[in-house]
C-alpha atoms as a PDB file:
ATOM      1  CA  MET A   1     120.454 122.899  69.925  1.00  0.00           C
ATOM      2  CA  ALA A   2     124.239 122.008  68.966  1.00  0.00           C
ATOM      3  CA  GLY A   3     126.924 124.316  69.621  1.00  0.00           C
ATOM      4  CA  THR A   4     128.676 126.583  67.482  1.00  0.00           C
ATOM      5  CA  LEU A   5     132.004 128.357  67.077  1.00  0.00           C
ATOM      6  CA  THR A   6     131.600 131.649  65.645  1.00  0.00           C
ATOM      7  CA  VAL A   7     134.162 134.607  65.035  1.00  0.00           C
ATOM      8  CA  TRP A   8     133.220 137.980  64.932  1.00  0.00           C
ATOM      9  CA  LYS A   9     136.216 140.089  62.945  1.00  0.00           C
ATOM     10  CA  PHE A  10     136.557 143.706  63.716  1.00  0.00           C
ATOM     11  CA  PRO A  11     138.439 146.514  61.615  1.00  0.00           C
ATOM     12  CA  SER A  12     140.200 147.696  64.653  1.00  0.00           C
ATOM     13  CA  GLU A  13     142.076 146.175  67.216  1.00  0.00           C
ATOM     14  CA  THR A  14     139.735 147.349  69.573  1.00  0.00           C
ATOM     15  CA  GLY A  15     136.580 146.152  68.257  1.00  0.00           C
ATOM     16  CA  ALA A  16     136.521 142.958  69.735  1.00  0.00           C
ATOM     17  CA  GLU A  17     136.610 144.564  72.854  1.00  0.00           C
ATOM     18  CA  THR A  18     133.765 146.691  72.509  1.00  0.00           C
ATOM     19  CA  ALA A  19     131.710 143.725  71.289  1.00  0.00           C
ATOM     20  CA  VAL A  20     131.787 141.953  74.649  1.00  0.00           C
ATOM     21  CA  ALA A  21     129.192 144.072  75.975  1.00  0.00           C
ATOM     22  CA  THR A  22     126.788 143.446  73.341  1.00  0.00           C
ATOM     23  CA  LEU A  23     127.139 140.102  73.836  1.00  0.00           C
ATOM     24  CA  ARG A  24     126.872 140.399  77.566  1.00  0.00           C
ATOM     25  CA  GLU A  25     123.670 141.979  77.063  1.00  0.00           C
ATOM     26  CA  LEU A  26     122.618 139.666  74.222  1.00  0.00           C
ATOM     27  CA  GLU A  27     123.236 136.515  76.876  1.00  0.00           C
ATOM     28  CA  GLN A  28     121.012 138.579  79.595  1.00  0.00           C
ATOM     29  CA  ARG A  29     118.242 139.105  77.167  1.00  0.00           C
ATOM     30  CA  ARG A  30     118.518 135.203  76.391  1.00  0.00           C
ATOM     31  CA  LEU A  31     118.859 135.471  72.838  1.00  0.00           C
ATOM     32  CA  VAL A  32     121.765 133.260  73.225  1.00  0.00           C
ATOM     33  CA  ALA A  33     123.732 130.970  75.862  1.00  0.00           C
ATOM     34  CA  VAL A  34     127.247 131.716  75.607  1.00  0.00           C
ATOM     35  CA  HIS A  35     129.484 128.459  76.949  1.00  0.00           C
ATOM     36  CA  ASP A  36     133.328 129.764  76.360  1.00  0.00           C
ATOM     37  CA  ALA A  37     134.803 133.131  74.843  1.00  0.00           C
ATOM     38  CA  ALA A  38     138.020 134.808  73.865  1.00  0.00           C
ATOM     39  CA  ILE A  39     139.191 137.585  72.282  1.00  0.00           C
ATOM     40  CA  VAL A  40     142.337 138.284  70.003  1.00  0.00           C
ATOM     41  CA  SER A  41     143.496 141.571  69.151  1.00  0.00           C
ATOM     42  CA  TRP A  42     146.514 142.723  66.664  1.00  0.00           C
ATOM     43  CA  PRO A  43     147.483 145.973  67.612  1.00  0.00           C
ATOM     44  CA  ALA A  44     148.908 147.620  64.214  1.00  0.00           C
ATOM     45  CA  GLY A  45     152.715 147.283  64.027  1.00  0.00           C
ATOM     46  CA  ALA A  46     152.700 144.279  66.653  1.00  0.00           C
ATOM     47  CA  PRO A  47     154.548 141.482  65.911  1.00  0.00           C
ATOM     48  CA  LYS A  48     151.856 139.235  67.266  1.00  0.00           C
ATOM     49  CA  PRO A  49     148.070 139.181  68.763  1.00  0.00           C
ATOM     50  CA  LYS A  50     147.190 139.207  72.005  1.00  0.00           C
ATOM     51  CA  THR A  51     144.805 136.989  73.599  1.00  0.00           C
ATOM     52  CA  LYS A  52     142.409 137.250  76.741  1.00  0.00           C
ATOM     53  CA  GLN A  53     140.123 134.377  77.674  1.00  0.00           C
ATOM     54  CA  LEU A  54     136.929 135.615  78.915  1.00  0.00           C
ATOM     55  CA  HIS A  55     136.268 133.763  81.770  1.00  0.00           C
ATOM     56  CA  ASN A  56     133.283 135.522  83.417  1.00  0.00           C
ATOM     57  CA  LEU A  57     131.337 135.234  80.475  1.00  0.00           C
ATOM     58  CA  ALA A  58     131.939 131.111  80.146  1.00  0.00           C
ATOM     59  CA  GLY A  59     129.493 129.442  81.595  1.00  0.00           C
ATOM     60  CA  ALA A  60     130.143 125.733  83.401  1.00  0.00           C
ATOM     61  CA  GLY A  61     130.747 123.743  80.237  1.00  0.00           C
ATOM     62  CA  ALA A  62     133.559 126.118  79.004  1.00  0.00           C
ATOM     63  CA  LEU A  63     136.286 124.695  77.615  1.00  0.00           C
ATOM     64  CA  GLY A  64     139.215 126.255  79.182  1.00  0.00           C
ATOM     65  CA  GLY A  65     142.522 127.983  78.327  1.00  0.00           C
ATOM     66  CA  ALA A  66     143.799 124.577  76.855  1.00  0.00           C
ATOM     67  CA  PHE A  67     141.450 125.272  73.664  1.00  0.00           C
ATOM     68  CA  TRP A  68     141.976 129.007  72.845  1.00  0.00           C
ATOM     69  CA  GLY A  69     145.751 128.034  72.963  1.00  0.00           C
ATOM     70  CA  LEU A  70     145.677 125.783  70.452  1.00  0.00           C
ATOM     71  CA  LEU A  71     143.959 127.646  68.618  1.00  0.00           C
ATOM     72  CA  PHE A  72     145.606 130.498  68.462  1.00  0.00           C
ATOM     73  CA  GLY A  73     148.688 128.438  68.474  1.00  0.00           C
ATOM     74  CA  LEU A  74     147.750 127.276  65.110  1.00  0.00           C
ATOM     75  CA  LEU A  75     146.044 130.962  63.912  1.00  0.00           C
ATOM     76  CA  PHE A  76     149.798 133.015  65.008  1.00  0.00           C
ATOM     77  CA  PHE A  77     152.803 130.336  66.698  1.00  0.00           C
ATOM     78  CA  VAL A  78     152.862 127.300  64.952  1.00  0.00           C
ATOM     79  CA  PRO A  79     155.869 128.638  62.632  1.00  0.00           C
ATOM     80  CA  LEU A  80     157.879 129.001  65.995  1.00  0.00           C
ATOM     81  CA  LEU A  81     157.168 125.692  67.132  1.00  0.00           C
ATOM     82  CA  GLY A  82     159.952 122.604  67.469  1.00  0.00           C
ATOM     83  CA  VAL A  83     159.227 120.090  65.599  1.00  0.00           C
ATOM     84  CA  ALA A  84     158.598 117.457  68.944  1.00  0.00           C
ATOM     85  CA  VAL A  85     155.936 120.008  69.603  1.00  0.00           C
ATOM     86  CA  GLY A  86     154.843 120.287  65.682  1.00  0.00           C
ATOM     87  CA  ALA A  87     153.787 116.467  66.407  1.00  0.00           C
ATOM     88  CA  GLY A  88     152.092 116.797  69.502  1.00  0.00           C
ATOM     89  CA  ILE A  89     150.376 119.669  67.893  1.00  0.00           C
ATOM     90  CA  GLY A  90     149.497 117.699  64.738  1.00  0.00           C
ATOM     91  CA  ALA A  91     147.149 115.022  66.478  1.00  0.00           C
ATOM     92  CA  LEU A  92     145.322 117.804  68.442  1.00  0.00           C
ATOM     93  CA  THR A  93     144.355 119.400  64.856  1.00  0.00           C
ATOM     94  CA  ALA A  94     143.117 115.974  63.758  1.00  0.00           C
ATOM     95  CA  SER A  95     141.088 115.844  66.461  1.00  0.00           C
ATOM     96  CA  LEU A  96     139.599 119.557  65.846  1.00  0.00           C
ATOM     97  CA  ALA A  97     139.102 118.735  62.248  1.00  0.00           C
ATOM     98  CA  ASP A  98     136.537 115.863  63.661  1.00  0.00           C
ATOM     99  CA  VAL A  99     134.708 118.664  65.815  1.00  0.00           C
ATOM    100  CA  GLY A 100     134.602 120.517  62.686  1.00  0.00           C
ATOM    101  CA  ILE A 101     137.668 122.775  63.105  1.00  0.00           C
ATOM    102  CA  ASP A 102     139.423 122.158  59.605  1.00  0.00           C
ATOM    103  CA  ASN A 103     142.295 123.702  57.717  1.00  0.00           C
ATOM    104  CA  SER A 104     140.437 125.609  55.485  1.00  0.00           C
ATOM    105  CA  PHE A 105     138.476 127.474  58.511  1.00  0.00           C
ATOM    106  CA  ILE A 106     141.941 127.789  59.956  1.00  0.00           C
ATOM    107  CA  ALA A 107     143.590 129.046  57.067  1.00  0.00           C
ATOM    108  CA  ARG A 108     140.544 131.643  56.558  1.00  0.00           C
ATOM    109  CA  LEU A 109     141.355 133.241  59.725  1.00  0.00           C
ATOM    110  CA  LYS A 110     144.768 133.389  59.103  1.00  0.00           C
ATOM    111  CA  GLU A 111     144.233 135.631  56.439  1.00  0.00           C
ATOM    112  CA  GLN A 112     141.530 137.928  57.862  1.00  0.00           C
ATOM    113  CA  LEU A 113     142.984 138.528  61.514  1.00  0.00           C
ATOM    114  CA  THR A 114     145.620 140.624  60.388  1.00  0.00           C
ATOM    115  CA  PRO A 115     147.672 143.605  62.185  1.00  0.00           C
ATOM    116  CA  GLY A 116     145.572 146.771  62.983  1.00  0.00           C
ATOM    117  CA  THR A 117     141.939 144.024  63.815  1.00  0.00           C
ATOM    118  CA  SER A 118     140.455 142.108  66.356  1.00  0.00           C
ATOM    119  CA  ALA A 119     138.169 138.590  66.678  1.00  0.00           C
ATOM    120  CA  LEU A 120     135.944 137.661  69.170  1.00  0.00           C
ATOM    121  CA  PHE A 121     135.418 133.840  69.708  1.00  0.00           C
ATOM    122  CA  VAL A 122     131.941 132.376  70.926  1.00  0.00           C
ATOM    123  CA  LEU A 123     131.424 129.074  71.760  1.00  0.00           C
ATOM    124  CA  SER A 124     127.591 129.386  71.903  1.00  0.00           C
ATOM    125  CA  SER A 125     124.458 127.511  71.368  1.00  0.00           C
ATOM    126  CA  ASP A 126     120.563 128.330  71.204  1.00  0.00           C
ATOM    127  CA  ALA A 127     121.302 131.730  69.291  1.00  0.00           C
ATOM    128  CA  ARG A 128     118.280 133.900  67.820  1.00  0.00           C
ATOM    129  CA  LEU A 129     121.309 134.164  64.615  1.00  0.00           C
ATOM    130  CA  ASP A 130     118.842 137.033  62.939  1.00  0.00           C
ATOM    131  CA  ARG A 131     118.924 139.224  65.856  1.00  0.00           C
ATOM    132  CA  VAL A 132     122.411 138.600  67.235  1.00  0.00           C
ATOM    133  CA  HIS A 133     123.900 139.231  63.299  1.00  0.00           C
ATOM    134  CA  GLU A 134     121.760 142.373  63.796  1.00  0.00           C
ATOM    135  CA  GLU A 135     123.203 143.445  66.932  1.00  0.00           C
ATOM    136  CA  PHE A 136     127.060 143.243  65.856  1.00  0.00           C
ATOM    137  CA  ARG A 137     126.117 144.303  62.239  1.00  0.00           C
ATOM    138  CA  HIS A 138     126.262 147.934  63.802  1.00  0.00           C
ATOM    139  CA  GLN A 139     129.411 147.253  65.080  1.00  0.00           C
ATOM    140  CA  THR A 140     130.685 147.071  61.571  1.00  0.00           C
ATOM    141  CA  ALA A 141     131.731 143.350  62.159  1.00  0.00           C
ATOM    142  CA  GLU A 142     132.655 140.370  59.856  1.00  0.00           C
ATOM    143  CA  LEU A 143     130.373 136.864  60.619  1.00  0.00           C
ATOM    144  CA  VAL A 144     133.227 133.797  60.274  1.00  0.00           C
ATOM    145  CA  THR A 145     131.479 130.899  61.951  1.00  0.00           C
ATOM    146  CA  THR A 146     132.321 127.181  61.726  1.00  0.00           C
ATOM    147  CA  ASN A 147     128.612 125.262  63.200  1.00  0.00           C
ATOM    148  CA  LEU A 148     129.827 122.146  65.612  1.00  0.00           C
ATOM    149  CA  SER A 149     126.941 119.664  65.946  1.00  0.00           C
ATOM    150  CA  HIS A 150     126.414 117.740  69.420  1.00  0.00           C
ATOM    151  CA  GLU A 151     129.027 115.048  68.532  1.00  0.00           C
ATOM    152  CA  GLN A 152     131.350 117.621  67.709  1.00  0.00           C
ATOM    153  CA  GLU A 153     130.914 119.303  70.473  1.00  0.00           C
ATOM    154  CA  ARG A 154     131.165 116.391  72.580  1.00  0.00           C
ATOM    155  CA  LYS A 155     134.425 115.318  70.955  1.00  0.00           C
ATOM    156  CA  LEU A 156     135.942 118.753  71.732  1.00  0.00           C
ATOM    157  CA  ARG A 157     134.873 119.256  75.072  1.00  0.00           C
ATOM    158  CA  ALA A 158     136.141 115.118  75.522  1.00  0.00           C
ATOM    159  CA  VAL A 159     139.753 116.362  73.839  1.00  0.00           C
ATOM    160  CA  PHE A 160     140.190 119.591  76.234  1.00  0.00           C
ATOM    161  CA  ALA A 161     138.787 117.680  79.089  1.00  0.00           C
ATOM    162  CA  GLU A 162     141.998 115.908  79.549  1.00  0.00           C
END
């Protein structure tokens, strides 16, 4: 099955951290295969969010910190970067667009992830979506997702394997 980059947004700064237990349980019940995951939590009043990669959930095919760093950089820190770094980011953003993470997806996330909220980012496959969605629905989570084809997932891994 093709990979899926799923983002679950929570209305509290601790919601994503709480949801990790649900994700672990879903993986143990073989309702989803987790390849990589990360959390963003944005405490109310903080100037920027905190990010954390979930190494203990990520499987052998994990993308690593470079992917999450770039994605979170695009979401929260790009205006602070210099021109030279911005040019390099431009090249990488083009690569992300090739794998289904385009400007509209980034813009939607920027709009939704605000102080006082949190999000759980998961690269997964083989999900029983109805069951997964039902488990997260009880946690007052909002689903934002972009689907990746096998080819897009391969390209994404290739971009961040270097």
